[in-house]
Amino acid sequence: LLPDAVRREALAEASRFRGEFYECL
């Protein structure tokens, strides 16, 4: 299993992407 820090970083990156994508629309 991925360490908690790696999972949190991945979720943070996905959240940033979703926010930036939403702003592009």
mmCIF file of all heavy atoms, coordinates in Angstrom:
data_MODEL
# 
_entry.id   MODEL 
# 
loop_
_atom_site.group_PDB 
_atom_site.id 
_atom_site.type_symbol 
_atom_site.label_atom_id 
_atom_site.label_alt_id 
_atom_site.label_comp_id 
_atom_site.label_asym_id 
_atom_site.label_entity_id 
_atom_site.label_seq_id 
_atom_site.pdbx_PDB_ins_code 
_atom_site.Cartn_x 
_atom_site.Cartn_y 
_atom_site.Cartn_z 
_atom_site.occupancy 
_atom_site.B_iso_or_equiv 
_atom_site.pdbx_formal_charge 
_atom_site.auth_seq_id 
_atom_site.auth_comp_id 
_atom_site.auth_asym_id 
_atom_site.auth_atom_id 
_atom_site.pdbx_PDB_model_num 
ATOM 1   N N   . LEU A 1 1  ? 0.848   -1.182 0.000   1.00 0.00 ? 1  LEU A N   1 
ATOM 2   C CA  . LEU A 1 1  ? 0.000   0.000  0.000   1.00 0.00 ? 1  LEU A CA  1 
ATOM 3   C C   . LEU A 1 1  ? 0.881   1.228  0.000   1.00 0.00 ? 1  LEU A C   1 
ATOM 4   O O   . LEU A 1 1  ? 1.979   1.228  0.563   1.00 0.00 ? 1  LEU A O   1 
ATOM 5   C CB  . LEU A 1 1  ? -0.904  0.018  1.239   1.00 0.00 ? 1  LEU A CB  1 
ATOM 6   C CG  . LEU A 1 1  ? -1.889  -1.133 1.350   1.00 0.00 ? 1  LEU A CG  1 
ATOM 7   C CD1 . LEU A 1 1  ? -2.631  -1.053 2.668   1.00 0.00 ? 1  LEU A CD1 1 
ATOM 8   C CD2 . LEU A 1 1  ? -2.863  -1.116 0.200   1.00 0.00 ? 1  LEU A CD2 1 
ATOM 9   N N   . LEU A 1 2  ? 0.415   2.251  -0.637  1.00 0.00 ? 2  LEU A N   1 
ATOM 10  C CA  . LEU A 1 2  ? 1.176   3.490  -0.657  1.00 0.00 ? 2  LEU A CA  1 
ATOM 11  C C   . LEU A 1 2  ? 1.173   4.120  0.732   1.00 0.00 ? 2  LEU A C   1 
ATOM 12  O O   . LEU A 1 2  ? 0.179   4.071  1.439   1.00 0.00 ? 2  LEU A O   1 
ATOM 13  C CB  . LEU A 1 2  ? 0.556   4.468  -1.654  1.00 0.00 ? 2  LEU A CB  1 
ATOM 14  C CG  . LEU A 1 2  ? 0.611   4.069  -3.122  1.00 0.00 ? 2  LEU A CG  1 
ATOM 15  C CD1 . LEU A 1 2  ? -0.161  5.081  -3.964  1.00 0.00 ? 2  LEU A CD1 1 
ATOM 16  C CD2 . LEU A 1 2  ? 2.036   3.980  -3.599  1.00 0.00 ? 2  LEU A CD2 1 
ATOM 17  N N   . PRO A 1 3  ? 2.281   4.711  1.104   1.00 0.00 ? 3  PRO A N   1 
ATOM 18  C CA  . PRO A 1 3  ? 2.308   5.432  2.384   1.00 0.00 ? 3  PRO A CA  1 
ATOM 19  C C   . PRO A 1 3  ? 1.288   6.577  2.376   1.00 0.00 ? 3  PRO A C   1 
ATOM 20  O O   . PRO A 1 3  ? 0.923   7.100  1.325   1.00 0.00 ? 3  PRO A O   1 
ATOM 21  C CB  . PRO A 1 3  ? 3.728   5.976  2.465   1.00 0.00 ? 3  PRO A CB  1 
ATOM 22  C CG  . PRO A 1 3  ? 4.526   5.193  1.482   1.00 0.00 ? 3  PRO A CG  1 
ATOM 23  C CD  . PRO A 1 3  ? 3.563   4.730  0.432   1.00 0.00 ? 3  PRO A CD  1 
ATOM 24  N N   . ASP A 1 4  ? 0.833   6.958  3.551   1.00 0.00 ? 4  ASP A N   1 
ATOM 25  C CA  . ASP A 1 4  ? -0.175  8.013  3.667   1.00 0.00 ? 4  ASP A CA  1 
ATOM 26  C C   . ASP A 1 4  ? 0.269   9.305  2.999   1.00 0.00 ? 4  ASP A C   1 
ATOM 27  O O   . ASP A 1 4  ? -0.530  9.989  2.356   1.00 0.00 ? 4  ASP A O   1 
ATOM 28  C CB  . ASP A 1 4  ? -0.502  8.283  5.134   1.00 0.00 ? 4  ASP A CB  1 
ATOM 29  C CG  . ASP A 1 4  ? -1.331  7.166  5.743   1.00 0.00 ? 4  ASP A CG  1 
ATOM 30  O OD1 . ASP A 1 4  ? -1.981  6.429  4.970   1.00 0.00 ? 4  ASP A OD1 1 
ATOM 31  O OD2 . ASP A 1 4  ? -1.333  7.043  6.972   1.00 0.00 ? 4  ASP A OD2 1 
ATOM 32  N N   . ALA A 1 5  ? 1.533   9.662  3.132   1.00 0.00 ? 5  ALA A N   1 
ATOM 33  C CA  . ALA A 1 5  ? 2.035   10.910 2.552   1.00 0.00 ? 5  ALA A CA  1 
ATOM 34  C C   . ALA A 1 5  ? 1.909   10.894 1.029   1.00 0.00 ? 5  ALA A C   1 
ATOM 35  O O   . ALA A 1 5  ? 1.544   11.900 0.421   1.00 0.00 ? 5  ALA A O   1 
ATOM 36  C CB  . ALA A 1 5  ? 3.482   11.146 2.960   1.00 0.00 ? 5  ALA A CB  1 
ATOM 37  N N   . VAL A 1 6  ? 2.176   9.758  0.418   1.00 0.00 ? 6  VAL A N   1 
ATOM 38  C CA  . VAL A 1 6  ? 2.083   9.643  -1.046  1.00 0.00 ? 6  VAL A CA  1 
ATOM 39  C C   . VAL A 1 6  ? 0.631   9.751  -1.485  1.00 0.00 ? 6  VAL A C   1 
ATOM 40  O O   . VAL A 1 6  ? 0.327   10.423 -2.475  1.00 0.00 ? 6  VAL A O   1 
ATOM 41  C CB  . VAL A 1 6  ? 2.712   8.321  -1.529  1.00 0.00 ? 6  VAL A CB  1 
ATOM 42  C CG1 . VAL A 1 6  ? 2.488   8.118  -3.020  1.00 0.00 ? 6  VAL A CG1 1 
ATOM 43  C CG2 . VAL A 1 6  ? 4.195   8.278  -1.201  1.00 0.00 ? 6  VAL A CG2 1 
ATOM 44  N N   . ARG A 1 7  ? -0.269  9.109  -0.749  1.00 0.00 ? 7  ARG A N   1 
ATOM 45  C CA  . ARG A 1 7  ? -1.694  9.195  -1.098  1.00 0.00 ? 7  ARG A CA  1 
ATOM 46  C C   . ARG A 1 7  ? -2.206  10.619 -0.946  1.00 0.00 ? 7  ARG A C   1 
ATOM 47  O O   . ARG A 1 7  ? -2.954  11.102 -1.788  1.00 0.00 ? 7  ARG A O   1 
ATOM 48  C CB  . ARG A 1 7  ? -2.511  8.241  -0.244  1.00 0.00 ? 7  ARG A CB  1 
ATOM 49  C CG  . ARG A 1 7  ? -2.362  6.797  -0.681  1.00 0.00 ? 7  ARG A CG  1 
ATOM 50  C CD  . ARG A 1 7  ? -3.306  5.900  0.035   1.00 0.00 ? 7  ARG A CD  1 
ATOM 51  N NE  . ARG A 1 7  ? -2.773  5.701  1.387   1.00 0.00 ? 7  ARG A NE  1 
ATOM 52  C CZ  . ARG A 1 7  ? -3.494  5.323  2.416   1.00 0.00 ? 7  ARG A CZ  1 
ATOM 53  N NH1 . ARG A 1 7  ? -4.774  5.119  2.265   1.00 0.00 ? 7  ARG A NH1 1 
ATOM 54  N NH2 . ARG A 1 7  ? -2.944  5.139  3.590   1.00 0.00 ? 7  ARG A NH2 1 
ATOM 55  N N   . ARG A 1 8  ? -1.810  11.306 0.129   1.00 0.00 ? 8  ARG A N   1 
ATOM 56  C CA  . ARG A 1 8  ? -2.245  12.696 0.327   1.00 0.00 ? 8  ARG A CA  1 
ATOM 57  C C   . ARG A 1 8  ? -1.727  13.588 -0.791  1.00 0.00 ? 8  ARG A C   1 
ATOM 58  O O   . ARG A 1 8  ? -2.445  14.453 -1.292  1.00 0.00 ? 8  ARG A O   1 
ATOM 59  C CB  . ARG A 1 8  ? -1.762  13.218 1.675   1.00 0.00 ? 8  ARG A CB  1 
ATOM 60  C CG  . ARG A 1 8  ? -2.659  12.830 2.820   1.00 0.00 ? 8  ARG A CG  1 
ATOM 61  C CD  . ARG A 1 8  ? -2.314  13.607 4.077   1.00 0.00 ? 8  ARG A CD  1 
ATOM 62  N NE  . ARG A 1 8  ? -0.959  13.353 4.529   1.00 0.00 ? 8  ARG A NE  1 
ATOM 63  C CZ  . ARG A 1 8  ? -0.605  12.399 5.372   1.00 0.00 ? 8  ARG A CZ  1 
ATOM 64  N NH1 . ARG A 1 8  ? -1.518  11.592 5.865   1.00 0.00 ? 8  ARG A NH1 1 
ATOM 65  N NH2 . ARG A 1 8  ? 0.648   12.255 5.732   1.00 0.00 ? 8  ARG A NH2 1 
ATOM 66  N N   . GLU A 1 9  ? -0.487  13.375 -1.207  1.00 0.00 ? 9  GLU A N   1 
ATOM 67  C CA  . GLU A 1 9  ? 0.088   14.180 -2.283  1.00 0.00 ? 9  GLU A CA  1 
ATOM 68  C C   . GLU A 1 9  ? -0.648  13.940 -3.603  1.00 0.00 ? 9  GLU A C   1 
ATOM 69  O O   . GLU A 1 9  ? -0.932  14.881 -4.343  1.00 0.00 ? 9  GLU A O   1 
ATOM 70  C CB  . GLU A 1 9  ? 1.566   13.841 -2.447  1.00 0.00 ? 9  GLU A CB  1 
ATOM 71  C CG  . GLU A 1 9  ? 2.282   14.697 -3.470  1.00 0.00 ? 9  GLU A CG  1 
ATOM 72  C CD  . GLU A 1 9  ? 3.749   14.341 -3.586  1.00 0.00 ? 9  GLU A CD  1 
ATOM 73  O OE1 . GLU A 1 9  ? 4.330   13.860 -2.607  1.00 0.00 ? 9  GLU A OE1 1 
ATOM 74  O OE2 . GLU A 1 9  ? 4.299   14.560 -4.674  1.00 0.00 ? 9  GLU A OE2 1 
ATOM 75  N N   . ALA A 1 10 ? -0.984  12.695 -3.876  1.00 0.00 ? 10 ALA A N   1 
ATOM 76  C CA  . ALA A 1 10 ? -1.719  12.371 -5.095  1.00 0.00 ? 10 ALA A CA  1 
ATOM 77  C C   . ALA A 1 10 ? -3.110  13.000 -5.080  1.00 0.00 ? 10 ALA A C   1 
ATOM 78  O O   . ALA A 1 10 ? -3.566  13.552 -6.098  1.00 0.00 ? 10 ALA A O   1 
ATOM 79  C CB  . ALA A 1 10 ? -1.824  10.860 -5.264  1.00 0.00 ? 10 ALA A CB  1 
ATOM 80  N N   . LEU A 1 11 ? -3.786  12.933 -3.947  1.00 0.00 ? 11 LEU A N   1 
ATOM 81  C CA  . LEU A 1 11 ? -5.110  13.552 -3.844  1.00 0.00 ? 11 LEU A CA  1 
ATOM 82  C C   . LEU A 1 11 ? -5.025  15.072 -3.974  1.00 0.00 ? 11 LEU A C   1 
ATOM 83  O O   . LEU A 1 11 ? -5.889  15.697 -4.596  1.00 0.00 ? 11 LEU A O   1 
ATOM 84  C CB  . LEU A 1 11 ? -5.772  13.161 -2.529  1.00 0.00 ? 11 LEU A CB  1 
ATOM 85  C CG  . LEU A 1 11 ? -6.227  11.709 -2.435  1.00 0.00 ? 11 LEU A CG  1 
ATOM 86  C CD1 . LEU A 1 11 ? -6.726  11.398 -1.031  1.00 0.00 ? 11 LEU A CD1 1 
ATOM 87  C CD2 . LEU A 1 11 ? -7.300  11.402 -3.462  1.00 0.00 ? 11 LEU A CD2 1 
ATOM 88  N N   . ALA A 1 12 ? -3.989  15.665 -3.410  1.00 0.00 ? 12 ALA A N   1 
ATOM 89  C CA  . ALA A 1 12 ? -3.811  17.115 -3.521  1.00 0.00 ? 12 ALA A CA  1 
ATOM 90  C C   . ALA A 1 12 ? -3.569  17.514 -4.969  1.00 0.00 ? 12 ALA A C   1 
ATOM 91  O O   . ALA A 1 12 ? -4.115  18.513 -5.445  1.00 0.00 ? 12 ALA A O   1 
ATOM 92  C CB  . ALA A 1 12 ? -2.654  17.576 -2.637  1.00 0.00 ? 12 ALA A CB  1 
ATOM 93  N N   . GLU A 1 13 ? -2.775  16.725 -5.672  1.00 0.00 ? 13 GLU A N   1 
ATOM 94  C CA  . GLU A 1 13 ? -2.502  17.013 -7.087  1.00 0.00 ? 13 GLU A CA  1 
ATOM 95  C C   . GLU A 1 13 ? -3.774  16.895 -7.920  1.00 0.00 ? 13 GLU A C   1 
ATOM 96  O O   . GLU A 1 13 ? -4.056  17.727 -8.779  1.00 0.00 ? 13 GLU A O   1 
ATOM 97  C CB  . GLU A 1 13 ? -1.427  16.065 -7.614  1.00 0.00 ? 13 GLU A CB  1 
ATOM 98  C CG  . GLU A 1 13 ? -1.031  16.326 -9.043  1.00 0.00 ? 13 GLU A CG  1 
ATOM 99  C CD  . GLU A 1 13 ? -0.325  17.648 -9.246  1.00 0.00 ? 13 GLU A CD  1 
ATOM 100 O OE1 . GLU A 1 13 ? 0.300   18.158 -8.305  1.00 0.00 ? 13 GLU A OE1 1 
ATOM 101 O OE2 . GLU A 1 13 ? -0.411  18.182 -10.368 1.00 0.00 ? 13 GLU A OE2 1 
ATOM 102 N N   . ALA A 1 14 ? -4.563  15.861 -7.672  1.00 0.00 ? 14 ALA A N   1 
ATOM 103 C CA  . ALA A 1 14 ? -5.823  15.686 -8.394  1.00 0.00 ? 14 ALA A CA  1 
ATOM 104 C C   . ALA A 1 14 ? -6.772  16.842 -8.098  1.00 0.00 ? 14 ALA A C   1 
ATOM 105 O O   . ALA A 1 14 ? -7.460  17.350 -8.994  1.00 0.00 ? 14 ALA A O   1 
ATOM 106 C CB  . ALA A 1 14 ? -6.470  14.356 -8.024  1.00 0.00 ? 14 ALA A CB  1 
ATOM 107 N N   . SER A 1 15 ? -6.801  17.285 -6.863  1.00 0.00 ? 15 SER A N   1 
ATOM 108 C CA  . SER A 1 15 ? -7.658  18.407 -6.483  1.00 0.00 ? 15 SER A CA  1 
ATOM 109 C C   . SER A 1 15 ? -7.227  19.691 -7.187  1.00 0.00 ? 15 SER A C   1 
ATOM 110 O O   . SER A 1 15 ? -8.065  20.449 -7.673  1.00 0.00 ? 15 SER A O   1 
ATOM 111 C CB  . SER A 1 15 ? -7.614  18.589 -4.972  1.00 0.00 ? 15 SER A CB  1 
ATOM 112 O OG  . SER A 1 15 ? -8.437  19.657 -4.589  1.00 0.00 ? 15 SER A OG  1 
ATOM 113 N N   . ARG A 1 16 ? -5.914  19.917 -7.244  1.00 0.00 ? 16 ARG A N   1 
ATOM 114 C CA  . ARG A 1 16 ? -5.412  21.102 -7.968  1.00 0.00 ? 16 ARG A CA  1 
ATOM 115 C C   . ARG A 1 16 ? -5.788  21.047 -9.436  1.00 0.00 ? 16 ARG A C   1 
ATOM 116 O O   . ARG A 1 16 ? -6.212  22.040 -10.026 1.00 0.00 ? 16 ARG A O   1 
ATOM 117 C CB  . ARG A 1 16 ? -3.894  21.212 -7.821  1.00 0.00 ? 16 ARG A CB  1 
ATOM 118 C CG  . ARG A 1 16 ? -3.439  21.852 -6.548  1.00 0.00 ? 16 ARG A CG  1 
ATOM 119 C CD  . ARG A 1 16 ? -1.950  22.194 -6.598  1.00 0.00 ? 16 ARG A CD  1 
ATOM 120 N NE  . ARG A 1 16 ? -1.119  21.001 -6.721  1.00 0.00 ? 16 ARG A NE  1 
ATOM 121 C CZ  . ARG A 1 16 ? -0.703  20.263 -5.698  1.00 0.00 ? 16 ARG A CZ  1 
ATOM 122 N NH1 . ARG A 1 16 ? -1.043  20.581 -4.475  1.00 0.00 ? 16 ARG A NH1 1 
ATOM 123 N NH2 . ARG A 1 16 ? 0.058   19.212 -5.898  1.00 0.00 ? 16 ARG A NH2 1 
ATOM 124 N N   . PHE A 1 17 ? -5.629  19.857 -10.041 1.00 0.00 ? 17 PHE A N   1 
ATOM 125 C CA  . PHE A 1 17 ? -5.973  19.707 -11.449 1.00 0.00 ? 17 PHE A CA  1 
ATOM 126 C C   . PHE A 1 17 ? -7.448  20.006 -11.692 1.00 0.00 ? 17 PHE A C   1 
ATOM 127 O O   . PHE A 1 17 ? -7.801  20.732 -12.625 1.00 0.00 ? 17 PHE A O   1 
ATOM 128 C CB  . PHE A 1 17 ? -5.646  18.295 -11.946 1.00 0.00 ? 17 PHE A CB  1 
ATOM 129 C CG  . PHE A 1 17 ? -6.152  18.032 -13.326 1.00 0.00 ? 17 PHE A CG  1 
ATOM 130 C CD1 . PHE A 1 17 ? -5.467  18.521 -14.422 1.00 0.00 ? 17 PHE A CD1 1 
ATOM 131 C CD2 . PHE A 1 17 ? -7.325  17.324 -13.529 1.00 0.00 ? 17 PHE A CD2 1 
ATOM 132 C CE1 . PHE A 1 17 ? -5.946  18.298 -15.714 1.00 0.00 ? 17 PHE A CE1 1 
ATOM 133 C CE2 . PHE A 1 17 ? -7.810  17.102 -14.807 1.00 0.00 ? 17 PHE A CE2 1 
ATOM 134 C CZ  . PHE A 1 17 ? -7.113  17.586 -15.902 1.00 0.00 ? 17 PHE A CZ  1 
ATOM 135 N N   . ARG A 1 18 ? -8.307  19.455 -10.837 1.00 0.00 ? 18 ARG A N   1 
ATOM 136 C CA  . ARG A 1 18 ? -9.745  19.695 -10.999 1.00 0.00 ? 18 ARG A CA  1 
ATOM 137 C C   . ARG A 1 18 ? -10.076 21.178 -10.887 1.00 0.00 ? 18 ARG A C   1 
ATOM 138 O O   . ARG A 1 18 ? -10.876 21.702 -11.657 1.00 0.00 ? 18 ARG A O   1 
ATOM 139 C CB  . ARG A 1 18 ? -10.538 18.895 -9.964  1.00 0.00 ? 18 ARG A CB  1 
ATOM 140 C CG  . ARG A 1 18 ? -10.550 17.407 -10.223 1.00 0.00 ? 18 ARG A CG  1 
ATOM 141 C CD  . ARG A 1 18 ? -11.172 16.627 -9.073  1.00 0.00 ? 18 ARG A CD  1 
ATOM 142 N NE  . ARG A 1 18 ? -12.540 17.004 -8.805  1.00 0.00 ? 18 ARG A NE  1 
ATOM 143 C CZ  . ARG A 1 18 ? -13.614 16.413 -9.314  1.00 0.00 ? 18 ARG A CZ  1 
ATOM 144 N NH1 . ARG A 1 18 ? -13.444 15.381 -10.101 1.00 0.00 ? 18 ARG A NH1 1 
ATOM 145 N NH2 . ARG A 1 18 ? -14.816 16.829 -9.016  1.00 0.00 ? 18 ARG A NH2 1 
ATOM 146 N N   . GLY A 1 19 ? -9.450  21.860 -9.937  1.00 0.00 ? 19 GLY A N   1 
ATOM 147 C CA  . GLY A 1 19 ? -9.684  23.291 -9.765  1.00 0.00 ? 19 GLY A CA  1 
ATOM 148 C C   . GLY A 1 19 ? -9.235  24.100 -10.964 1.00 0.00 ? 19 GLY A C   1 
ATOM 149 O O   . GLY A 1 19 ? -9.944  24.989 -11.442 1.00 0.00 ? 19 GLY A O   1 
ATOM 150 N N   . GLU A 1 20 ? -8.039  23.788 -11.476 1.00 0.00 ? 20 GLU A N   1 
ATOM 151 C CA  . GLU A 1 20 ? -7.519  24.508 -12.639 1.00 0.00 ? 20 GLU A CA  1 
ATOM 152 C C   . GLU A 1 20 ? -8.344  24.208 -13.887 1.00 0.00 ? 20 GLU A C   1 
ATOM 153 O O   . GLU A 1 20 ? -8.595  25.086 -14.707 1.00 0.00 ? 20 GLU A O   1 
ATOM 154 C CB  . GLU A 1 20 ? -6.056  24.153 -12.855 1.00 0.00 ? 20 GLU A CB  1 
ATOM 155 C CG  . GLU A 1 20 ? -5.147  24.713 -11.783 1.00 0.00 ? 20 GLU A CG  1 
ATOM 156 C CD  . GLU A 1 20 ? -3.717  24.265 -11.939 1.00 0.00 ? 20 GLU A CD  1 
ATOM 157 O OE1 . GLU A 1 20 ? -3.361  23.725 -13.006 1.00 0.00 ? 20 GLU A OE1 1 
ATOM 158 O OE2 . GLU A 1 20 ? -2.951  24.461 -10.978 1.00 0.00 ? 20 GLU A OE2 1 
ATOM 159 N N   . PHE A 1 21 ? -8.762  22.961 -14.042 1.00 0.00 ? 21 PHE A N   1 
ATOM 160 C CA  . PHE A 1 21 ? -9.594  22.599 -15.185 1.00 0.00 ? 21 PHE A CA  1 
ATOM 161 C C   . PHE A 1 21 ? -10.921 23.338 -15.133 1.00 0.00 ? 21 PHE A C   1 
ATOM 162 O O   . PHE A 1 21 ? -11.387 23.879 -16.140 1.00 0.00 ? 21 PHE A O   1 
ATOM 163 C CB  . PHE A 1 21 ? -9.828  21.088 -15.218 1.00 0.00 ? 21 PHE A CB  1 
ATOM 164 C CG  . PHE A 1 21 ? -10.738 20.639 -16.325 1.00 0.00 ? 21 PHE A CG  1 
ATOM 165 C CD1 . PHE A 1 21 ? -10.349 20.737 -17.644 1.00 0.00 ? 21 PHE A CD1 1 
ATOM 166 C CD2 . PHE A 1 21 ? -11.994 20.123 -16.046 1.00 0.00 ? 21 PHE A CD2 1 
ATOM 167 C CE1 . PHE A 1 21 ? -11.191 20.337 -18.677 1.00 0.00 ? 21 PHE A CE1 1 
ATOM 168 C CE2 . PHE A 1 21 ? -12.837 19.716 -17.056 1.00 0.00 ? 21 PHE A CE2 1 
ATOM 169 C CZ  . PHE A 1 21 ? -12.434 19.819 -18.380 1.00 0.00 ? 21 PHE A CZ  1 
ATOM 170 N N   . TYR A 1 22 ? -11.525 23.394 -13.964 1.00 0.00 ? 22 TYR A N   1 
ATOM 171 C CA  . TYR A 1 22 ? -12.793 24.093 -13.788 1.00 0.00 ? 22 TYR A CA  1 
ATOM 172 C C   . TYR A 1 22 ? -12.642 25.568 -14.157 1.00 0.00 ? 22 TYR A C   1 
ATOM 173 O O   . TYR A 1 22 ? -13.511 26.136 -14.812 1.00 0.00 ? 22 TYR A O   1 
ATOM 174 C CB  . TYR A 1 22 ? -13.280 23.945 -12.352 1.00 0.00 ? 22 TYR A CB  1 
ATOM 175 C CG  . TYR A 1 22 ? -14.644 24.532 -12.100 1.00 0.00 ? 22 TYR A CG  1 
ATOM 176 C CD1 . TYR A 1 22 ? -15.792 23.844 -12.477 1.00 0.00 ? 22 TYR A CD1 1 
ATOM 177 C CD2 . TYR A 1 22 ? -14.798 25.767 -11.490 1.00 0.00 ? 22 TYR A CD2 1 
ATOM 178 C CE1 . TYR A 1 22 ? -17.051 24.376 -12.253 1.00 0.00 ? 22 TYR A CE1 1 
ATOM 179 C CE2 . TYR A 1 22 ? -16.049 26.310 -11.260 1.00 0.00 ? 22 TYR A CE2 1 
ATOM 180 C CZ  . TYR A 1 22 ? -17.165 25.608 -11.640 1.00 0.00 ? 22 TYR A CZ  1 
ATOM 181 O OH  . TYR A 1 22 ? -18.410 26.145 -11.421 1.00 0.00 ? 22 TYR A OH  1 
ATOM 182 N N   . GLU A 1 23 ? -11.535 26.176 -13.773 1.00 0.00 ? 23 GLU A N   1 
ATOM 183 C CA  . GLU A 1 23 ? -11.303 27.590 -14.082 1.00 0.00 ? 23 GLU A CA  1 
ATOM 184 C C   . GLU A 1 23 ? -11.092 27.821 -15.580 1.00 0.00 ? 23 GLU A C   1 
ATOM 185 O O   . GLU A 1 23 ? -11.343 28.914 -16.071 1.00 0.00 ? 23 GLU A O   1 
ATOM 186 C CB  . GLU A 1 23 ? -10.101 28.115 -13.298 1.00 0.00 ? 23 GLU A CB  1 
ATOM 187 C CG  . GLU A 1 23 ? -10.342 28.203 -11.808 1.00 0.00 ? 23 GLU A CG  1 
ATOM 188 C CD  . GLU A 1 23 ? -11.505 29.112 -11.456 1.00 0.00 ? 23 GLU A CD  1 
ATOM 189 O OE1 . GLU A 1 23 ? -11.640 30.197 -12.066 1.00 0.00 ? 23 GLU A OE1 1 
ATOM 190 O OE2 . GLU A 1 23 ? -12.293 28.736 -10.572 1.00 0.00 ? 23 GLU A OE2 1 
ATOM 191 N N   . CYS A 1 24 ? -10.646 26.812 -16.308 1.00 0.00 ? 24 CYS A N   1 
ATOM 192 C CA  . CYS A 1 24 ? -10.426 26.952 -17.754 1.00 0.00 ? 24 CYS A CA  1 
ATOM 193 C C   . CYS A 1 24 ? -11.738 26.974 -18.539 1.00 0.00 ? 24 CYS A C   1 
ATOM 194 O O   . CYS A 1 24 ? -11.781 27.484 -19.662 1.00 0.00 ? 24 CYS A O   1 
ATOM 195 C CB  . CYS A 1 24 ? -9.574  25.804 -18.274 1.00 0.00 ? 24 CYS A CB  1 
ATOM 196 S SG  . CYS A 1 24 ? -7.860  25.887 -17.775 1.00 0.00 ? 24 CYS A SG  1 
ATOM 197 N N   . LEU A 1 25 ? -12.761 26.401 -17.974 1.00 0.00 ? 25 LEU A N   1 
ATOM 198 C CA  . LEU A 1 25 ? -14.039 26.338 -18.675 1.00 0.00 ? 25 LEU A CA  1 
ATOM 199 C C   . LEU A 1 25 ? -14.718 27.699 -18.632 1.00 0.00 ? 25 LEU A C   1 
ATOM 200 O O   . LEU A 1 25 ? -14.663 28.400 -17.632 1.00 0.00 ? 25 LEU A O   1 
ATOM 201 C CB  . LEU A 1 25 ? -14.932 25.280 -18.036 1.00 0.00 ? 25 LEU A CB  1 
ATOM 202 C CG  . LEU A 1 25 ? -14.373 23.863 -18.031 1.00 0.00 ? 25 LEU A CG  1 
ATOM 203 C CD1 . LEU A 1 25 ? -15.287 22.941 -17.246 1.00 0.00 ? 25 LEU A CD1 1 
ATOM 204 C CD2 . LEU A 1 25 ? -14.181 23.352 -19.438 1.00 0.00 ? 25 LEU A CD2 1 
# 
